[in-house]
Amino acid sequence: MPIAFDVGRICVKLAGREAGRKCVIVDIIDEKYVLITGPKSLTGVKRRRVNVKHIEPTPLKINISKGASDEEVLKALQEANLIEEMRSPIKPKFM
């Protein structure tokens, strides 16, 4: 079963200058777009709208509310002990 795109899901960016860096989904815009954040201070990924084809979901998920601020995302990542996991970039699998 494929991993769903849902709020709090940790993903890896596949395209663009941030490829290989991890991000967190903060909001679902529609079936094609989601709002993500790194947060920038942690992973270098800015808060932005991104096409779901450009991100790869991981099994990791944090507990945040829809539209959570970067501070709330950081707090949730610390609680889940995923700060180091988020910092380490991975080599993206190309589409």
N, C-alpha and C. Protein backbone atom coordinates (compact mmCIF):
# COMPACT_ATOMS: atom_id res chain seq x y z
N MET A 1 0.84 -1.20 0.00
CA MET A 1 0.00 0.00 0.00
C MET A 1 0.88 1.25 0.00
N PRO A 2 0.65 2.18 -0.93
CA PRO A 2 1.48 3.38 -0.98
C PRO A 2 1.24 4.29 0.23
N ILE A 3 2.28 5.02 0.59
CA ILE A 3 2.18 5.94 1.72
C ILE A 3 1.40 7.18 1.28
N ALA A 4 0.45 7.59 2.09
CA ALA A 4 -0.42 8.72 1.72
C ALA A 4 0.25 10.06 2.04
N PHE A 5 -0.13 11.07 1.28
CA PHE A 5 0.29 12.44 1.57
C PHE A 5 -0.70 12.99 2.58
N ASP A 6 -0.25 13.18 3.82
CA ASP A 6 -1.13 13.74 4.84
C ASP A 6 -0.35 14.73 5.70
N VAL A 7 -1.07 15.55 6.44
CA VAL A 7 -0.45 16.59 7.26
C VAL A 7 0.44 15.92 8.31
N GLY A 8 1.71 16.37 8.39
CA GLY A 8 2.67 15.81 9.32
C GLY A 8 3.59 14.77 8.71
N ARG A 9 3.31 14.35 7.48
CA ARG A 9 4.13 13.33 6.81
C ARG A 9 5.49 13.95 6.44
N ILE A 10 6.56 13.23 6.75
CA ILE A 10 7.90 13.68 6.37
C ILE A 10 8.19 13.15 4.97
N CYS A 11 8.64 14.03 4.08
CA CYS A 11 8.89 13.67 2.69
C CYS A 11 10.31 14.07 2.29
N VAL A 12 10.73 13.59 1.12
CA VAL A 12 12.02 13.97 0.55
C VAL A 12 11.73 14.68 -0.76
N LYS A 13 12.36 15.86 -0.96
CA LYS A 13 12.17 16.58 -2.22
C LYS A 13 12.96 15.88 -3.32
N LEU A 14 12.34 15.72 -4.47
CA LEU A 14 12.96 15.02 -5.59
C LEU A 14 13.50 15.96 -6.66
N ALA A 15 12.98 17.18 -6.69
CA ALA A 15 13.33 18.09 -7.79
C ALA A 15 13.75 19.45 -7.25
N GLY A 16 14.47 20.19 -8.08
CA GLY A 16 14.84 21.56 -7.72
C GLY A 16 16.10 21.64 -6.88
N ARG A 17 16.41 22.85 -6.44
CA ARG A 17 17.65 23.08 -5.70
C ARG A 17 17.64 22.41 -4.33
N GLU A 18 16.45 22.05 -3.85
CA GLU A 18 16.34 21.41 -2.54
C GLU A 18 16.24 19.88 -2.65
N ALA A 19 16.53 19.32 -3.81
CA ALA A 19 16.41 17.87 -4.03
C ALA A 19 17.28 17.11 -3.03
N GLY A 20 16.69 16.07 -2.43
CA GLY A 20 17.40 15.24 -1.47
C GLY A 20 17.21 15.68 -0.03
N ARG A 21 16.62 16.87 0.16
CA ARG A 21 16.40 17.36 1.52
C ARG A 21 15.02 16.95 2.01
N LYS A 22 14.91 16.81 3.31
CA LYS A 22 13.63 16.38 3.89
C LYS A 22 12.76 17.58 4.23
N CYS A 23 11.46 17.35 4.19
CA CYS A 23 10.49 18.41 4.50
C CYS A 23 9.27 17.77 5.16
N VAL A 24 8.40 18.62 5.67
CA VAL A 24 7.18 18.16 6.35
C VAL A 24 5.98 18.77 5.65
N ILE A 25 4.93 17.98 5.40
CA ILE A 25 3.70 18.51 4.81
C ILE A 25 2.90 19.22 5.91
N VAL A 26 2.59 20.51 5.67
CA VAL A 26 1.81 21.26 6.66
C VAL A 26 0.36 21.45 6.24
N ASP A 27 0.08 21.35 4.95
CA ASP A 27 -1.30 21.52 4.49
C ASP A 27 -1.47 20.84 3.14
N ILE A 28 -2.68 20.35 2.87
CA ILE A 28 -3.03 19.78 1.57
C ILE A 28 -3.82 20.85 0.82
N ILE A 29 -3.31 21.29 -0.33
CA ILE A 29 -4.00 22.33 -1.09
C ILE A 29 -5.09 21.71 -1.98
N ASP A 30 -4.70 20.75 -2.81
CA ASP A 30 -5.66 19.97 -3.61
C ASP A 30 -5.00 18.64 -3.95
N GLU A 31 -5.54 17.90 -4.92
CA GLU A 31 -4.98 16.57 -5.20
C GLU A 31 -3.60 16.64 -5.84
N LYS A 32 -3.19 17.81 -6.36
CA LYS A 32 -1.89 17.93 -7.00
C LYS A 32 -0.85 18.68 -6.18
N TYR A 33 -1.29 19.52 -5.25
CA TYR A 33 -0.35 20.37 -4.52
C TYR A 33 -0.49 20.25 -3.01
N VAL A 34 0.66 20.35 -2.33
CA VAL A 34 0.69 20.39 -0.86
C VAL A 34 1.59 21.56 -0.44
N LEU A 35 1.40 22.01 0.80
CA LEU A 35 2.26 23.05 1.37
C LEU A 35 3.27 22.35 2.26
N ILE A 36 4.57 22.64 2.01
CA ILE A 36 5.62 21.99 2.79
C ILE A 36 6.48 23.03 3.49
N THR A 37 7.22 22.58 4.49
CA THR A 37 8.25 23.40 5.13
C THR A 37 9.35 22.47 5.59
N GLY A 38 10.56 23.02 5.75
CA GLY A 38 11.71 22.22 6.20
C GLY A 38 11.68 21.90 7.69
N PRO A 39 11.58 22.84 8.55
CA PRO A 39 11.69 24.30 8.39
C PRO A 39 13.06 24.71 7.85
N LYS A 40 13.13 25.90 7.24
CA LYS A 40 14.34 26.39 6.58
C LYS A 40 15.54 26.40 7.53
N SER A 41 15.32 26.78 8.80
CA SER A 41 16.42 26.83 9.76
C SER A 41 17.03 25.45 10.02
N LEU A 42 16.26 24.40 9.79
CA LEU A 42 16.72 23.03 10.07
C LEU A 42 17.24 22.32 8.82
N THR A 43 16.47 22.33 7.75
CA THR A 43 16.84 21.54 6.55
C THR A 43 17.17 22.39 5.34
N GLY A 44 16.85 23.68 5.38
CA GLY A 44 17.10 24.53 4.23
C GLY A 44 15.95 24.57 3.24
N VAL A 45 14.84 23.89 3.55
CA VAL A 45 13.67 23.89 2.66
C VAL A 45 12.71 24.99 3.11
N LYS A 46 12.42 25.93 2.19
CA LYS A 46 11.51 27.02 2.51
C LYS A 46 10.07 26.55 2.49
N ARG A 47 9.21 27.25 3.24
CA ARG A 47 7.78 26.96 3.22
C ARG A 47 7.25 27.35 1.84
N ARG A 48 6.66 26.40 1.13
CA ARG A 48 6.16 26.67 -0.22
C ARG A 48 5.18 25.61 -0.67
N ARG A 49 4.46 25.96 -1.74
CA ARG A 49 3.54 25.01 -2.37
C ARG A 49 4.37 24.16 -3.33
N VAL A 50 4.12 22.86 -3.34
CA VAL A 50 4.90 21.98 -4.21
C VAL A 50 3.98 20.91 -4.80
N ASN A 51 4.29 20.52 -6.04
CA ASN A 51 3.56 19.46 -6.72
C ASN A 51 3.91 18.13 -6.04
N VAL A 52 2.90 17.28 -5.81
CA VAL A 52 3.14 16.00 -5.14
C VAL A 52 4.08 15.09 -5.94
N LYS A 53 4.22 15.34 -7.25
CA LYS A 53 5.13 14.55 -8.07
C LYS A 53 6.59 14.86 -7.74
N HIS A 54 6.83 15.98 -7.06
CA HIS A 54 8.19 16.41 -6.75
C HIS A 54 8.64 16.03 -5.34
N ILE A 55 7.80 15.30 -4.62
CA ILE A 55 8.18 14.84 -3.28
C ILE A 55 7.88 13.36 -3.13
N GLU A 56 8.69 12.70 -2.30
CA GLU A 56 8.55 11.27 -2.03
C GLU A 56 8.22 11.10 -0.55
N PRO A 57 7.03 10.57 -0.20
CA PRO A 57 6.71 10.41 1.22
C PRO A 57 7.55 9.31 1.88
N THR A 58 7.88 9.51 3.15
CA THR A 58 8.60 8.48 3.92
C THR A 58 7.61 7.88 4.92
N PRO A 59 7.97 6.79 5.57
CA PRO A 59 7.06 6.21 6.58
C PRO A 59 6.95 7.07 7.85
N LEU A 60 7.87 8.04 7.99
CA LEU A 60 7.87 8.87 9.20
C LEU A 60 6.76 9.91 9.18
N LYS A 61 6.17 10.15 10.37
CA LYS A 61 5.09 11.14 10.46
C LYS A 61 5.16 11.78 11.84
N ILE A 62 4.91 13.11 11.90
CA ILE A 62 4.86 13.80 13.18
C ILE A 62 3.44 14.29 13.41
N ASN A 63 3.15 14.60 14.65
CA ASN A 63 1.81 15.02 15.02
C ASN A 63 1.72 16.54 15.05
N ILE A 64 1.23 17.15 13.95
CA ILE A 64 1.04 18.60 13.89
C ILE A 64 -0.36 18.89 13.37
N SER A 65 -0.83 20.11 13.65
CA SER A 65 -2.14 20.50 13.14
C SER A 65 -1.97 21.07 11.74
N LYS A 66 -3.06 21.10 11.00
CA LYS A 66 -3.05 21.63 9.63
C LYS A 66 -2.64 23.10 9.66
N GLY A 67 -1.68 23.48 8.81
CA GLY A 67 -1.23 24.86 8.74
C GLY A 67 -0.30 25.26 9.88
N ALA A 68 0.36 24.28 10.53
CA ALA A 68 1.24 24.56 11.67
C ALA A 68 2.39 25.47 11.27
N SER A 69 2.81 26.34 12.21
CA SER A 69 3.93 27.25 11.97
C SER A 69 5.25 26.47 12.02
N ASP A 70 6.33 27.09 11.54
CA ASP A 70 7.63 26.44 11.57
C ASP A 70 8.05 26.10 13.00
N GLU A 71 7.69 26.97 13.97
CA GLU A 71 8.04 26.72 15.37
C GLU A 71 7.32 25.46 15.88
N GLU A 72 6.04 25.32 15.51
CA GLU A 72 5.27 24.12 15.92
C GLU A 72 5.86 22.86 15.29
N VAL A 73 6.29 22.97 14.02
CA VAL A 73 6.88 21.83 13.32
C VAL A 73 8.19 21.43 14.01
N LEU A 74 9.04 22.42 14.34
CA LEU A 74 10.30 22.15 15.03
C LEU A 74 10.06 21.46 16.37
N LYS A 75 9.07 21.95 17.12
CA LYS A 75 8.74 21.39 18.43
C LYS A 75 8.31 19.92 18.28
N ALA A 76 7.46 19.65 17.29
CA ALA A 76 6.98 18.28 17.06
C ALA A 76 8.13 17.36 16.64
N LEU A 77 9.06 17.88 15.84
CA LEU A 77 10.22 17.08 15.41
C LEU A 77 11.11 16.75 16.61
N GLN A 78 11.28 17.72 17.52
CA GLN A 78 12.09 17.48 18.72
C GLN A 78 11.43 16.42 19.60
N GLU A 79 10.11 16.52 19.76
CA GLU A 79 9.37 15.55 20.58
C GLU A 79 9.49 14.14 20.00
N ALA A 80 9.55 14.04 18.68
CA ALA A 80 9.63 12.73 18.01
C ALA A 80 11.09 12.28 17.84
N ASN A 81 12.05 13.08 18.33
CA ASN A 81 13.49 12.79 18.20
C ASN A 81 13.91 12.60 16.74
N LEU A 82 13.42 13.47 15.86
CA LEU A 82 13.73 13.34 14.43
C LEU A 82 14.60 14.49 13.90
N ILE A 83 15.17 15.31 14.78
CA ILE A 83 15.97 16.46 14.34
C ILE A 83 17.16 16.00 13.49
N GLU A 84 17.93 15.01 13.99
CA GLU A 84 19.10 14.52 13.24
C GLU A 84 18.67 13.85 11.94
N GLU A 85 17.56 13.12 11.99
CA GLU A 85 17.02 12.46 10.79
C GLU A 85 16.70 13.49 9.72
N MET A 86 16.13 14.63 10.12
CA MET A 86 15.75 15.68 9.17
C MET A 86 16.98 16.37 8.58
N ARG A 87 18.03 16.50 9.38
CA ARG A 87 19.24 17.22 8.93
C ARG A 87 19.99 16.47 7.86
N SER A 88 19.93 15.13 7.88
CA SER A 88 20.75 14.34 6.94
C SER A 88 20.06 14.26 5.58
N PRO A 89 20.68 14.87 4.55
CA PRO A 89 20.09 14.77 3.20
C PRO A 89 20.31 13.37 2.63
N ILE A 90 19.46 12.95 1.73
CA ILE A 90 19.64 11.65 1.09
C ILE A 90 19.69 11.86 -0.42
N LYS A 91 20.21 10.87 -1.11
CA LYS A 91 20.28 10.94 -2.56
C LYS A 91 18.89 10.60 -3.09
N PRO A 92 18.24 11.56 -3.79
CA PRO A 92 16.87 11.28 -4.26
C PRO A 92 16.84 10.24 -5.37
N LYS A 93 15.78 9.43 -5.35
CA LYS A 93 15.52 8.49 -6.46
C LYS A 93 14.81 9.31 -7.53
N PHE A 94 15.36 9.32 -8.72
CA PHE A 94 14.76 10.17 -9.75
C PHE A 94 13.52 9.53 -10.35
N MET A 95 12.63 10.40 -10.78
CA MET A 95 11.31 9.99 -11.28
C MET A 95 11.44 9.21 -12.57
